[in-house]
């Protein structure tokens, strides 16, 4: 049975990693981007921030 577009959202995607606050997540299908240097001068990189109910063309179902 095909999966509906409503079910193909970020929180159901293999590439999605939930944040500690559980209010958003990070998309791991795209390479991390430089955001800034931290207080010690080390570069910080983050994957793009996404909402749990976003949808994109890179969606891939989580294997169960």
PDB file of N, CA and C in Angstrom:
ATOM      1  N   UNK A   1       0.849  -1.181   0.000  1.00  0.00           N
ATOM      2  CA  UNK A   1       0.000   0.000   0.000  1.00  0.00           C
ATOM      3  C   UNK A   1       0.895   1.243   0.000  1.00  0.00           C
ATOM      4  N   UNK A   2       0.653   2.169  -0.926  1.00  0.00           N
ATOM      5  CA  UNK A   2       1.480   3.378  -0.986  1.00  0.00           C
ATOM      6  C   UNK A   2       1.277   4.254   0.257  1.00  0.00           C
ATOM      7  N   UNK A   3       2.324   4.961   0.624  1.00  0.00           N
ATOM      8  CA  UNK A   3       2.276   5.844   1.786  1.00  0.00           C
ATOM      9  C   UNK A   3       1.749   7.196   1.337  1.00  0.00           C
ATOM     10  N   UNK A   4       0.794   7.732   2.084  1.00  0.00           N
ATOM     11  CA  UNK A   4       0.216   9.023   1.725  1.00  0.00           C
ATOM     12  C   UNK A   4       1.222  10.144   1.955  1.00  0.00           C
ATOM     13  N   UNK A   5       1.013  11.247   1.254  1.00  0.00           N
ATOM     14  CA  UNK A   5       1.907  12.394   1.416  1.00  0.00           C
ATOM     15  C   UNK A   5       1.845  12.911   2.848  1.00  0.00           C
ATOM     16  N   UNK A   6       0.711  12.800   3.509  1.00  0.00           N
ATOM     17  CA  UNK A   6       0.570  13.259   4.896  1.00  0.00           C
ATOM     18  C   UNK A   6       1.472  12.470   5.844  1.00  0.00           C
ATOM     19  N   UNK A   7       1.778  11.224   5.490  1.00  0.00           N
ATOM     20  CA  UNK A   7       2.657  10.401   6.326  1.00  0.00           C
ATOM     21  C   UNK A   7       4.131  10.589   5.971  1.00  0.00           C
ATOM     22  N   UNK A   8       4.415  11.205   4.819  1.00  0.00           N
ATOM     23  CA  UNK A   8       5.801  11.399   4.384  1.00  0.00           C
ATOM     24  C   UNK A   8       6.311  12.731   4.922  1.00  0.00           C
ATOM     25  N   UNK A   9       6.379  12.832   6.227  1.00  0.00           N
ATOM     26  CA  UNK A   9       6.830  14.050   6.887  1.00  0.00           C
ATOM     27  C   UNK A   9       8.166  13.791   7.570  1.00  0.00           C
ATOM     28  N   UNK A  10       8.848  14.848   7.942  1.00  0.00           N
ATOM     29  CA  UNK A  10      10.206  14.720   8.481  1.00  0.00           C
ATOM     30  C   UNK A  10      10.299  13.784   9.680  1.00  0.00           C
ATOM     31  N   UNK A  11       9.370  13.864  10.614  1.00  0.00           N
ATOM     32  CA  UNK A  11       9.503  13.030  11.817  1.00  0.00           C
ATOM     33  C   UNK A  11       9.384  11.542  11.510  1.00  0.00           C
ATOM     34  N   UNK A  12       8.890  11.171  10.327  1.00  0.00           N
ATOM     35  CA  UNK A  12       8.808   9.767   9.919  1.00  0.00           C
ATOM     36  C   UNK A  12       9.902   9.392   8.923  1.00  0.00           C
ATOM     37  N   UNK A  13      10.883  10.269   8.763  1.00  0.00           N
ATOM     38  CA  UNK A  13      11.916  10.067   7.750  1.00  0.00           C
ATOM     39  C   UNK A  13      13.220   9.571   8.375  1.00  0.00           C
ATOM     40  N   UNK A  14      13.916   8.721   7.649  1.00  0.00           N
ATOM     41  CA  UNK A  14      15.194   8.185   8.111  1.00  0.00           C
ATOM     42  C   UNK A  14      16.243   9.284   8.302  1.00  0.00           C
ATOM     43  N   UNK A  15      16.164  10.354   7.534  1.00  0.00           N
ATOM     44  CA  UNK A  15      17.157  11.433   7.583  1.00  0.00           C
ATOM     45  C   UNK A  15      16.914  12.413   8.728  1.00  0.00           C
ATOM     46  N   UNK A  16      15.795  12.318   9.412  1.00  0.00           N
ATOM     47  CA  UNK A  16      15.423  13.265  10.470  1.00  0.00           C
ATOM     48  C   UNK A  16      15.994  12.838  11.817  1.00  0.00           C
ATOM     49  N   UNK A  17      16.601  13.793  12.537  1.00  0.00           N
ATOM     50  CA  UNK A  17      17.077  13.562  13.895  1.00  0.00           C
ATOM     51  C   UNK A  17      16.432  14.606  14.790  1.00  0.00           C
ATOM     52  N   UNK A  18      15.710  14.156  15.802  1.00  0.00           N
ATOM     53  CA  UNK A  18      14.987  15.070  16.686  1.00  0.00           C
ATOM     54  C   UNK A  18      15.942  15.812  17.622  1.00  0.00           C
ATOM     55  N   UNK A  19      15.612  17.068  17.908  1.00  0.00           N
ATOM     56  CA  UNK A  19      16.414  17.854  18.838  1.00  0.00           C
ATOM     57  C   UNK A  19      16.120  17.419  20.274  1.00  0.00           C
ATOM     58  N   UNK A  20      16.971  17.849  21.195  1.00  0.00           N
ATOM     59  CA  UNK A  20      16.751  17.503  22.605  1.00  0.00           C
ATOM     60  C   UNK A  20      15.445  18.080  23.132  1.00  0.00           C
ATOM     61  N   UNK A  21      15.051  19.253  22.642  1.00  0.00           N
ATOM     62  CA  UNK A  21      13.815  19.891  23.115  1.00  0.00           C
ATOM     63  C   UNK A  21      12.560  19.265  22.505  1.00  0.00           C
ATOM     64  N   UNK A  22      12.732  18.431  21.476  1.00  0.00           N
ATOM     65  CA  UNK A  22      11.649  17.748  20.771  1.00  0.00           C
ATOM     66  C   UNK A  22      10.684  18.701  20.068  1.00  0.00           C
ATOM     67  N   UNK A  23      11.110  19.961  19.831  1.00  0.00           N
ATOM     68  CA  UNK A  23      10.263  20.924  19.126  1.00  0.00           C
ATOM     69  C   UNK A  23      10.629  21.054  17.657  1.00  0.00           C
ATOM     70  N   UNK A  24      11.804  20.575  17.288  1.00  0.00           N
ATOM     71  CA  UNK A  24      12.282  20.628  15.907  1.00  0.00           C
ATOM     72  C   UNK A  24      13.300  19.512  15.736  1.00  0.00           C
ATOM     73  N   UNK A  25      13.911  19.459  14.572  1.00  0.00           N
ATOM     74  CA  UNK A  25      14.916  18.435  14.321  1.00  0.00           C
ATOM     75  C   UNK A  25      15.923  18.919  13.305  1.00  0.00           C
ATOM     76  N   UNK A  26      16.775  17.991  12.867  1.00  0.00           N
ATOM     77  CA  UNK A  26      17.825  18.303  11.911  1.00  0.00           C
ATOM     78  C   UNK A  26      17.768  17.313  10.760  1.00  0.00           C
ATOM     79  N   UNK A  27      17.867  17.831   9.533  1.00  0.00           N
ATOM     80  CA  UNK A  27      17.822  16.990   8.340  1.00  0.00           C
ATOM     81  C   UNK A  27      19.236  16.534   8.013  1.00  0.00           C
ATOM     82  N   UNK A  28      19.453  15.223   8.061  1.00  0.00           N
ATOM     83  CA  UNK A  28      20.784  14.663   7.812  1.00  0.00           C
ATOM     84  C   UNK A  28      21.006  14.300   6.341  1.00  0.00           C
ATOM     85  N   UNK A  29      20.048  14.604   5.461  1.00  0.00           N
ATOM     86  CA  UNK A  29      20.242  14.285   4.041  1.00  0.00           C
ATOM     87  C   UNK A  29      21.100  15.340   3.351  1.00  0.00           C
ATOM     88  N   UNK A  30      21.245  16.495   3.960  1.00  0.00           N
ATOM     89  CA  UNK A  30      22.054  17.567   3.406  1.00  0.00           C
ATOM     90  C   UNK A  30      23.344  17.689   4.221  1.00  0.00           C
ATOM     91  N   UNK A  31      24.424  18.118   3.607  1.00  0.00           N
ATOM     92  CA  UNK A  31      25.672  18.249   4.373  1.00  0.00           C
ATOM     93  C   UNK A  31      25.552  19.357   5.419  1.00  0.00           C
ATOM     94  N   UNK A  32      26.277  19.235   6.527  1.00  0.00           N
ATOM     95  CA  UNK A  32      26.229  20.279   7.541  1.00  0.00           C
ATOM     96  C   UNK A  32      26.763  21.607   6.991  1.00  0.00           C
ATOM     97  N   UNK A  33      26.251  22.695   7.539  1.00  0.00           N
ATOM     98  CA  UNK A  33      26.682  24.026   7.129  1.00  0.00           C
ATOM     99  C   UNK A  33      27.385  24.713   8.294  1.00  0.00           C
ATOM    100  N   UNK A  34      28.355  25.546   7.973  1.00  0.00           N
ATOM    101  CA  UNK A  34      29.064  26.307   9.004  1.00  0.00           C
ATOM    102  C   UNK A  34      28.120  27.351   9.579  1.00  0.00           C
ATOM    103  N   UNK A  35      28.055  27.455  10.900  1.00  0.00           N
ATOM    104  CA  UNK A  35      27.192  28.450  11.524  1.00  0.00           C
ATOM    105  C   UNK A  35      27.989  29.559  12.194  1.00  0.00           C
ATOM    106  N   UNK A  36      29.044  29.192  12.913  1.00  0.00           N
ATOM    107  CA  UNK A  36      29.844  30.202  13.612  1.00  0.00           C
ATOM    108  C   UNK A  36      31.002  29.496  14.305  1.00  0.00           C
ATOM    109  N   UNK A  37      31.889  30.279  14.888  1.00  0.00           N
ATOM    110  CA  UNK A  37      32.908  29.728  15.777  1.00  0.00           C
ATOM    111  C   UNK A  37      32.374  29.784  17.200  1.00  0.00           C
ATOM    112  N   UNK A  38      32.656  28.743  17.983  1.00  0.00           N
ATOM    113  CA  UNK A  38      32.202  28.759  19.375  1.00  0.00           C
ATOM    114  C   UNK A  38      33.113  29.656  20.219  1.00  0.00           C
ATOM    115  N   UNK A  39      32.866  29.695  21.520  1.00  0.00           N
ATOM    116  CA  UNK A  39      33.621  30.572  22.417  1.00  0.00           C
ATOM    117  C   UNK A  39      35.115  30.263  22.439  1.00  0.00           C
ATOM    118  N   UNK A  40      35.484  29.030  22.116  1.00  0.00           N
ATOM    119  CA  UNK A  40      36.895  28.637  22.102  1.00  0.00           C
ATOM    120  C   UNK A  40      37.542  28.811  20.727  1.00  0.00           C
ATOM    121  N   UNK A  41      36.756  29.293  19.756  1.00  0.00           N
ATOM    122  CA  UNK A  41      37.283  29.509  18.417  1.00  0.00           C
ATOM    123  C   UNK A  41      37.163  28.314  17.495  1.00  0.00           C
ATOM    124  N   UNK A  42      36.504  27.251  17.948  1.00  0.00           N
ATOM    125  CA  UNK A  42      36.310  26.069  17.107  1.00  0.00           C
ATOM    126  C   UNK A  42      35.101  26.271  16.199  1.00  0.00           C
ATOM    127  N   UNK A  43      35.197  25.865  14.944  1.00  0.00           N
ATOM    128  CA  UNK A  43      34.053  26.024  14.036  1.00  0.00           C
ATOM    129  C   UNK A  43      32.899  25.114  14.440  1.00  0.00           C
ATOM    130  N   UNK A  44      31.687  25.606  14.266  1.00  0.00           N
ATOM    131  CA  UNK A  44      30.472  24.840  14.566  1.00  0.00           C
ATOM    132  C   UNK A  44      29.728  24.582  13.258  1.00  0.00           C
ATOM    133  N   UNK A  45      29.298  23.350  13.070  1.00  0.00           N
ATOM    134  CA  UNK A  45      28.535  22.958  11.886  1.00  0.00           C
ATOM    135  C   UNK A  45      27.239  22.308  12.336  1.00  0.00           C
ATOM    136  N   UNK A  46      26.160  22.595  11.650  1.00  0.00           N
ATOM    137  CA  UNK A  46      24.868  21.994  11.958  1.00  0.00           C
ATOM    138  C   UNK A  46      24.178  21.573  10.683  1.00  0.00           C
ATOM    139  N   UNK A  47      23.421  20.497  10.761  1.00  0.00           N
ATOM    140  CA  UNK A  47      22.560  20.135   9.646  1.00  0.00           C
ATOM    141  C   UNK A  47      21.377  21.097   9.650  1.00  0.00           C
ATOM    142  N   UNK A  48      20.729  21.302   8.498  1.00  0.00           N
ATOM    143  CA  UNK A  48      19.615  22.245   8.437  1.00  0.00           C
ATOM    144  C   UNK A  48      18.517  21.886   9.440  1.00  0.00           C
ATOM    145  N   UNK A  49      17.980  22.919  10.096  1.00  0.00           N
ATOM    146  CA  UNK A  49      16.894  22.750  11.058  1.00  0.00           C
ATOM    147  C   UNK A  49      15.593  22.600  10.284  1.00  0.00           C
ATOM    148  N   UNK A  50      14.772  21.629  10.678  1.00  0.00           N
ATOM    149  CA  UNK A  50      13.474  21.405  10.048  1.00  0.00           C
ATOM    150  C   UNK A  50      12.409  21.167  11.120  1.00  0.00           C
ATOM    151  N   UNK A  51      11.182  21.489  10.773  1.00  0.00           N
ATOM    152  CA  UNK A  51      10.047  21.204  11.651  1.00  0.00           C
ATOM    153  C   UNK A  51       9.644  19.747  11.468  1.00  0.00           C
ATOM    154  N   UNK A  52       9.089  19.112  12.505  1.00  0.00           N
ATOM    155  CA  UNK A  52       8.724  17.690  12.390  1.00  0.00           C
ATOM    156  C   UNK A  52       7.737  17.391  11.270  1.00  0.00           C
ATOM    157  N   UNK A  53       6.908  18.373  10.886  1.00  0.00           N
ATOM    158  CA  UNK A  53       5.882  18.117   9.874  1.00  0.00           C
ATOM    159  C   UNK A  53       6.240  18.680   8.507  1.00  0.00           C
ATOM    160  N   UNK A  54       7.510  19.033   8.293  1.00  0.00           N
ATOM    161  CA  UNK A  54       7.953  19.459   6.962  1.00  0.00           C
ATOM    162  C   UNK A  54       7.958  18.256   6.022  1.00  0.00           C
ATOM    163  N   UNK A  55       8.011  18.540   4.728  1.00  0.00           N
ATOM    164  CA  UNK A  55       8.077  17.510   3.700  1.00  0.00           C
ATOM    165  C   UNK A  55       9.071  17.948   2.639  1.00  0.00           C
ATOM    166  N   UNK A  56       9.857  17.018   2.110  1.00  0.00           N
ATOM    167  CA  UNK A  56      10.766  17.350   1.013  1.00  0.00           C
ATOM    168  C   UNK A  56      10.889  16.166   0.062  1.00  0.00           C
ATOM    169  N   UNK A  57      11.578  16.382  -1.043  1.00  0.00           N
ATOM    170  CA  UNK A  57      11.701  15.334  -2.055  1.00  0.00           C
ATOM    171  C   UNK A  57      12.730  14.276  -1.686  1.00  0.00           C
ATOM    172  N   UNK A  58      13.516  14.494  -0.638  1.00  0.00           N
ATOM    173  CA  UNK A  58      14.511  13.512  -0.205  1.00  0.00           C
ATOM    174  C   UNK A  58      13.947  12.535   0.817  1.00  0.00           C
ATOM    175  N   UNK A  59      12.657  12.590   1.062  1.00  0.00           N
ATOM    176  CA  UNK A  59      12.024  11.770   2.074  1.00  0.00           C
ATOM    177  C   UNK A  59      12.345  10.301   1.853  1.00  0.00           C
ATOM    178  N   UNK A  60      12.708   9.591   2.928  1.00  0.00           N
ATOM    179  CA  UNK A  60      12.980   8.146   2.855  1.00  0.00           C
ATOM    180  C   UNK A  60      12.423   7.491   4.097  1.00  0.00           C
ATOM    181  N   UNK A  61      11.571   6.505   3.907  1.00  0.00           N
ATOM    182  CA  UNK A  61      10.891   5.844   5.014  1.00  0.00           C
ATOM    183  C   UNK A  61      11.875   5.156   5.958  1.00  0.00           C
ATOM    184  N   UNK A  62      11.593   5.233   7.254  1.00  0.00           N
ATOM    185  CA  UNK A  62      12.392   4.553   8.258  1.00  0.00           C
ATOM    186  C   UNK A  62      12.121   3.061   8.156  1.00  0.00           C
ATOM    187  N   UNK A  63      13.183   2.272   8.100  1.00  0.00           N
ATOM    188  CA  UNK A  63      13.024   0.810   8.061  1.00  0.00           C
ATOM    189  C   UNK A  63      12.612   0.334   9.444  1.00  0.00           C
ATOM    190  N   UNK A  64      11.596  -0.505   9.504  1.00  0.00           N
ATOM    191  CA  UNK A  64      11.105  -0.984  10.805  1.00  0.00           C
ATOM    192  C   UNK A  64      11.385  -2.450  10.979  1.00  0.00           C
TER     193      UNK A  64
END
